[in-house]
Amino acid sequence: RSYLVFFDFDSSRLTPEAKQIVASAAADALQGKTTRIDVTGHTDRSGSDRYNQALSVRRAESVRRELVADGVADSLIVTRGVGESDPLVPTADGVREPQNRRVEIVIN
């Protein structure tokens, strides 16, 4: 089971819509025999590789904190950031693509 949480440009703050998606993921995780939740942060290709790597980690951490606030055990959550290296929509460097500004939540 997977969920996508999208972010505003250059932001790791969860929007109200993003919080609803995280709440759905948390409810899903709490229903079954969840053994691990992978939370992977991504960015678009606007900005330097180094900056985007750090931003992707901040996005993943924002989602982790919200999952924990929604009742998920922190010990189940594995976070990582991959910067701009795995786009949902391939673009040229420097392009602001909203679909690439995301966190993927995968519940195992």
N, C-alpha and C. Protein backbone atom coordinates (compact mmCIF):
# COMPACT_ATOMS: atom_id res chain seq x y z
N ARG A 1 0.85 -1.18 0.00
CA ARG A 1 0.00 0.00 0.00
C ARG A 1 0.88 1.23 0.00
N SER A 2 0.56 2.16 -0.85
CA SER A 2 1.40 3.36 -0.93
C SER A 2 0.56 4.62 -1.05
N TYR A 3 1.17 5.71 -0.64
CA TYR A 3 0.52 7.02 -0.64
C TYR A 3 1.53 8.05 -1.14
N LEU A 4 1.04 9.09 -1.81
CA LEU A 4 1.88 10.20 -2.25
C LEU A 4 1.43 11.47 -1.56
N VAL A 5 2.39 12.18 -0.99
CA VAL A 5 2.14 13.45 -0.31
C VAL A 5 2.92 14.52 -1.08
N PHE A 6 2.23 15.55 -1.55
CA PHE A 6 2.87 16.60 -2.34
C PHE A 6 3.14 17.85 -1.51
N PHE A 7 4.15 18.61 -1.94
CA PHE A 7 4.61 19.80 -1.21
C PHE A 7 4.64 21.01 -2.12
N ASP A 8 4.53 22.19 -1.49
CA ASP A 8 4.71 23.44 -2.22
C ASP A 8 6.19 23.61 -2.57
N PHE A 9 6.46 24.50 -3.50
CA PHE A 9 7.83 24.76 -3.94
C PHE A 9 8.71 25.17 -2.76
N ASP A 10 9.88 24.56 -2.66
CA ASP A 10 10.90 24.89 -1.65
C ASP A 10 10.36 24.81 -0.22
N SER A 11 9.47 23.85 0.03
CA SER A 11 8.84 23.75 1.35
C SER A 11 8.84 22.30 1.83
N SER A 12 8.96 22.16 3.15
CA SER A 12 8.78 20.84 3.76
C SER A 12 7.57 20.86 4.70
N ARG A 13 6.79 21.95 4.63
CA ARG A 13 5.60 22.09 5.47
C ARG A 13 4.44 21.32 4.85
N LEU A 14 3.74 20.55 5.68
CA LEU A 14 2.59 19.80 5.20
C LEU A 14 1.39 20.72 5.01
N THR A 15 0.78 20.65 3.85
CA THR A 15 -0.45 21.40 3.58
C THR A 15 -1.61 20.67 4.26
N PRO A 16 -2.77 21.31 4.40
CA PRO A 16 -3.92 20.60 4.96
C PRO A 16 -4.26 19.32 4.18
N GLU A 17 -4.18 19.37 2.86
CA GLU A 17 -4.44 18.19 2.04
C GLU A 17 -3.41 17.09 2.32
N ALA A 18 -2.15 17.49 2.45
CA ALA A 18 -1.08 16.53 2.74
C ALA A 18 -1.32 15.86 4.09
N LYS A 19 -1.76 16.64 5.07
CA LYS A 19 -2.03 16.07 6.40
C LYS A 19 -3.15 15.02 6.34
N GLN A 20 -4.15 15.25 5.48
CA GLN A 20 -5.23 14.27 5.32
C GLN A 20 -4.70 12.97 4.72
N ILE A 21 -3.79 13.08 3.75
CA ILE A 21 -3.21 11.89 3.13
C ILE A 21 -2.38 11.12 4.14
N VAL A 22 -1.58 11.84 4.93
CA VAL A 22 -0.78 11.18 5.97
C VAL A 22 -1.69 10.51 7.00
N ALA A 23 -2.78 11.17 7.36
CA ALA A 23 -3.73 10.58 8.32
C ALA A 23 -4.33 9.28 7.76
N SER A 24 -4.63 9.26 6.47
CA SER A 24 -5.14 8.03 5.83
C SER A 24 -4.10 6.92 5.88
N ALA A 25 -2.85 7.28 5.59
CA ALA A 25 -1.76 6.30 5.64
C ALA A 25 -1.59 5.76 7.06
N ALA A 26 -1.67 6.65 8.04
CA ALA A 26 -1.53 6.23 9.44
C ALA A 26 -2.66 5.28 9.83
N ALA A 27 -3.88 5.62 9.45
CA ALA A 27 -5.02 4.76 9.77
C ALA A 27 -4.85 3.39 9.12
N ASP A 28 -4.37 3.37 7.89
CA ASP A 28 -4.10 2.12 7.18
C ASP A 28 -3.04 1.31 7.93
N ALA A 29 -1.97 1.97 8.34
CA ALA A 29 -0.88 1.28 9.04
C ALA A 29 -1.34 0.71 10.37
N LEU A 30 -2.24 1.42 11.04
CA LEU A 30 -2.71 0.98 12.36
C LEU A 30 -3.72 -0.16 12.27
N GLN A 31 -4.30 -0.38 11.09
CA GLN A 31 -5.31 -1.42 10.91
C GLN A 31 -4.73 -2.83 10.86
N GLY A 32 -3.59 -2.97 10.19
CA GLY A 32 -3.08 -4.31 9.92
C GLY A 32 -1.82 -4.64 10.68
N LYS A 33 -1.14 -5.65 10.18
CA LYS A 33 0.11 -6.10 10.78
C LYS A 33 1.28 -5.40 10.09
N THR A 34 1.36 -4.12 10.24
CA THR A 34 2.42 -3.34 9.62
C THR A 34 3.75 -3.64 10.29
N THR A 35 4.76 -3.96 9.48
CA THR A 35 6.09 -4.24 10.03
C THR A 35 7.09 -3.13 9.72
N ARG A 36 6.78 -2.33 8.70
CA ARG A 36 7.71 -1.27 8.31
C ARG A 36 6.98 -0.27 7.42
N ILE A 37 7.32 1.00 7.60
CA ILE A 37 6.79 2.06 6.75
C ILE A 37 7.97 2.82 6.17
N ASP A 38 8.11 2.76 4.85
CA ASP A 38 9.18 3.49 4.17
C ASP A 38 8.66 4.86 3.78
N VAL A 39 9.38 5.90 4.17
CA VAL A 39 9.01 7.28 3.88
C VAL A 39 10.17 7.90 3.11
N THR A 40 9.95 8.16 1.83
CA THR A 40 11.03 8.64 0.95
C THR A 40 10.70 10.02 0.41
N GLY A 41 11.58 10.98 0.70
CA GLY A 41 11.40 12.35 0.24
C GLY A 41 12.03 12.59 -1.12
N HIS A 42 11.38 13.43 -1.92
CA HIS A 42 11.84 13.78 -3.27
C HIS A 42 11.72 15.28 -3.49
N THR A 43 12.45 15.78 -4.49
CA THR A 43 12.34 17.19 -4.89
C THR A 43 12.24 17.27 -6.41
N ASP A 44 11.89 18.47 -6.88
CA ASP A 44 11.99 18.71 -8.32
C ASP A 44 13.44 19.09 -8.63
N ARG A 45 13.72 19.50 -9.86
CA ARG A 45 15.10 19.73 -10.27
C ARG A 45 15.52 21.20 -10.19
N SER A 46 14.72 22.01 -9.51
CA SER A 46 15.08 23.41 -9.30
C SER A 46 15.94 23.50 -8.04
N GLY A 47 17.14 24.04 -8.16
CA GLY A 47 18.05 24.11 -7.02
C GLY A 47 19.21 23.14 -7.19
N SER A 48 20.21 23.29 -6.32
CA SER A 48 21.40 22.45 -6.42
C SER A 48 21.11 21.03 -5.90
N ASP A 49 21.92 20.08 -6.33
CA ASP A 49 21.77 18.70 -5.86
C ASP A 49 21.86 18.64 -4.33
N ARG A 50 22.84 19.34 -3.78
CA ARG A 50 23.06 19.31 -2.33
C ARG A 50 21.86 19.88 -1.58
N TYR A 51 21.36 21.03 -2.04
CA TYR A 51 20.20 21.64 -1.40
C TYR A 51 18.99 20.72 -1.48
N ASN A 52 18.77 20.15 -2.66
CA ASN A 52 17.60 19.29 -2.86
C ASN A 52 17.69 18.01 -2.03
N GLN A 53 18.89 17.50 -1.84
CA GLN A 53 19.05 16.32 -0.99
C GLN A 53 18.59 16.64 0.44
N ALA A 54 19.03 17.78 0.96
CA ALA A 54 18.65 18.19 2.31
C ALA A 54 17.14 18.44 2.40
N LEU A 55 16.57 19.08 1.38
CA LEU A 55 15.13 19.36 1.37
C LEU A 55 14.33 18.05 1.33
N SER A 56 14.79 17.09 0.58
CA SER A 56 14.06 15.81 0.51
C SER A 56 14.06 15.11 1.87
N VAL A 57 15.15 15.22 2.60
CA VAL A 57 15.21 14.64 3.95
C VAL A 57 14.25 15.38 4.88
N ARG A 58 14.21 16.71 4.79
CA ARG A 58 13.28 17.49 5.63
C ARG A 58 11.83 17.10 5.33
N ARG A 59 11.51 16.90 4.06
CA ARG A 59 10.15 16.49 3.70
C ARG A 59 9.81 15.13 4.30
N ALA A 60 10.73 14.19 4.20
CA ALA A 60 10.49 12.86 4.77
C ALA A 60 10.30 12.95 6.28
N GLU A 61 11.11 13.78 6.94
CA GLU A 61 10.99 13.94 8.39
C GLU A 61 9.67 14.59 8.78
N SER A 62 9.17 15.53 7.98
CA SER A 62 7.86 16.14 8.25
C SER A 62 6.76 15.09 8.24
N VAL A 63 6.83 14.20 7.26
CA VAL A 63 5.83 13.14 7.17
C VAL A 63 5.99 12.16 8.33
N ARG A 64 7.22 11.82 8.68
CA ARG A 64 7.45 10.92 9.82
C ARG A 64 6.83 11.50 11.10
N ARG A 65 7.08 12.78 11.35
CA ARG A 65 6.53 13.42 12.56
C ARG A 65 5.00 13.37 12.55
N GLU A 66 4.40 13.59 11.40
CA GLU A 66 2.93 13.58 11.31
C GLU A 66 2.39 12.16 11.51
N LEU A 67 3.07 11.16 10.95
CA LEU A 67 2.65 9.77 11.18
C LEU A 67 2.68 9.43 12.66
N VAL A 68 3.75 9.83 13.35
CA VAL A 68 3.88 9.58 14.79
C VAL A 68 2.77 10.32 15.55
N ALA A 69 2.50 11.56 15.16
CA ALA A 69 1.42 12.33 15.81
C ALA A 69 0.07 11.65 15.60
N ASP A 70 -0.06 10.92 14.49
CA ASP A 70 -1.30 10.21 14.19
C ASP A 70 -1.34 8.80 14.81
N GLY A 71 -0.35 8.46 15.64
CA GLY A 71 -0.39 7.22 16.40
C GLY A 71 0.49 6.09 15.92
N VAL A 72 1.26 6.30 14.86
CA VAL A 72 2.14 5.25 14.34
C VAL A 72 3.42 5.20 15.19
N ALA A 73 3.87 4.01 15.52
CA ALA A 73 5.11 3.85 16.29
C ALA A 73 6.31 4.31 15.47
N ASP A 74 7.10 5.19 16.05
CA ASP A 74 8.28 5.72 15.36
C ASP A 74 9.23 4.59 14.92
N SER A 75 9.26 3.51 15.69
CA SER A 75 10.18 2.40 15.39
C SER A 75 9.83 1.68 14.09
N LEU A 76 8.62 1.87 13.58
CA LEU A 76 8.22 1.24 12.31
C LEU A 76 8.64 2.05 11.09
N ILE A 77 9.01 3.31 11.30
CA ILE A 77 9.21 4.24 10.19
C ILE A 77 10.69 4.34 9.81
N VAL A 78 10.96 4.17 8.52
CA VAL A 78 12.30 4.33 7.97
C VAL A 78 12.24 5.49 6.98
N THR A 79 13.00 6.56 7.25
CA THR A 79 12.97 7.72 6.37
C THR A 79 14.26 7.84 5.58
N ARG A 80 14.13 8.40 4.39
CA ARG A 80 15.31 8.73 3.58
C ARG A 80 14.91 9.79 2.58
N GLY A 81 15.92 10.51 2.11
CA GLY A 81 15.71 11.49 1.07
C GLY A 81 16.56 11.14 -0.13
N VAL A 82 15.99 11.28 -1.31
CA VAL A 82 16.74 10.97 -2.54
C VAL A 82 16.90 12.20 -3.43
N GLY A 83 16.57 13.38 -2.89
CA GLY A 83 16.76 14.60 -3.66
C GLY A 83 15.99 14.58 -4.96
N GLU A 84 16.67 14.97 -6.04
CA GLU A 84 16.03 15.06 -7.35
C GLU A 84 16.33 13.83 -8.22
N SER A 85 16.88 12.77 -7.61
CA SER A 85 17.39 11.63 -8.39
C SER A 85 16.33 10.67 -8.91
N ASP A 86 15.10 10.73 -8.40
CA ASP A 86 14.07 9.77 -8.81
C ASP A 86 12.76 10.50 -9.11
N PRO A 87 12.72 11.29 -10.19
CA PRO A 87 11.52 12.08 -10.47
C PRO A 87 10.34 11.23 -10.92
N LEU A 88 9.15 11.67 -10.55
CA LEU A 88 7.92 11.07 -11.06
C LEU A 88 7.72 11.51 -12.51
N VAL A 89 8.04 12.77 -12.77
CA VAL A 89 7.95 13.35 -14.11
C VAL A 89 9.35 13.81 -14.51
N PRO A 90 10.00 13.13 -15.46
CA PRO A 90 11.34 13.54 -15.89
C PRO A 90 11.33 14.95 -16.49
N THR A 91 12.27 15.79 -16.05
CA THR A 91 12.37 17.16 -16.56
C THR A 91 13.84 17.52 -16.75
N ALA A 92 14.05 18.64 -17.41
CA ALA A 92 15.40 19.20 -17.51
C ALA A 92 15.80 19.78 -16.16
N ASP A 93 17.09 19.95 -15.95
CA ASP A 93 17.58 20.55 -14.72
C ASP A 93 17.01 21.96 -14.58
N GLY A 94 16.64 22.33 -13.36
CA GLY A 94 16.13 23.67 -13.09
C GLY A 94 14.63 23.81 -13.23
N VAL A 95 13.94 22.78 -13.71
CA VAL A 95 12.49 22.86 -13.94
C VAL A 95 11.74 22.60 -12.63
N ARG A 96 10.76 23.46 -12.36
CA ARG A 96 9.89 23.30 -11.18
C ARG A 96 8.71 22.42 -11.58
N GLU A 97 8.70 21.20 -11.12
CA GLU A 97 7.63 20.25 -11.45
C GLU A 97 6.93 19.82 -10.16
N PRO A 98 5.67 20.27 -9.96
CA PRO A 98 4.96 19.96 -8.71
C PRO A 98 4.85 18.47 -8.39
N GLN A 99 4.72 17.61 -9.40
CA GLN A 99 4.58 16.18 -9.15
C GLN A 99 5.85 15.56 -8.55
N ASN A 100 6.98 16.23 -8.74
CA ASN A 100 8.24 15.71 -8.22
C ASN A 100 8.51 16.14 -6.78
N ARG A 101 7.75 17.12 -6.30
CA ARG A 101 7.91 17.61 -4.92
C ARG A 101 7.01 16.77 -4.01
N ARG A 102 7.54 15.62 -3.59
CA ARG A 102 6.66 14.67 -2.93
C ARG A 102 7.41 13.82 -1.90
N VAL A 103 6.60 13.15 -1.09
CA VAL A 103 7.07 12.06 -0.24
C VAL A 103 6.22 10.84 -0.57
N GLU A 104 6.88 9.72 -0.75
CA GLU A 104 6.19 8.45 -0.96
C GLU A 104 6.17 7.69 0.36
N ILE A 105 4.99 7.24 0.75
CA ILE A 105 4.81 6.42 1.95
C ILE A 105 4.45 5.02 1.47
N VAL A 106 5.25 4.04 1.84
CA VAL A 106 4.96 2.65 1.49
C VAL A 106 4.82 1.85 2.78
N ILE A 107 3.65 1.25 2.95
CA ILE A 107 3.34 0.49 4.16
C ILE A 107 3.53 -1.00 3.87
N ASN A 108 4.39 -1.63 4.64
CA ASN A 108 4.69 -3.06 4.46
C ASN A 108 4.16 -3.86 5.65
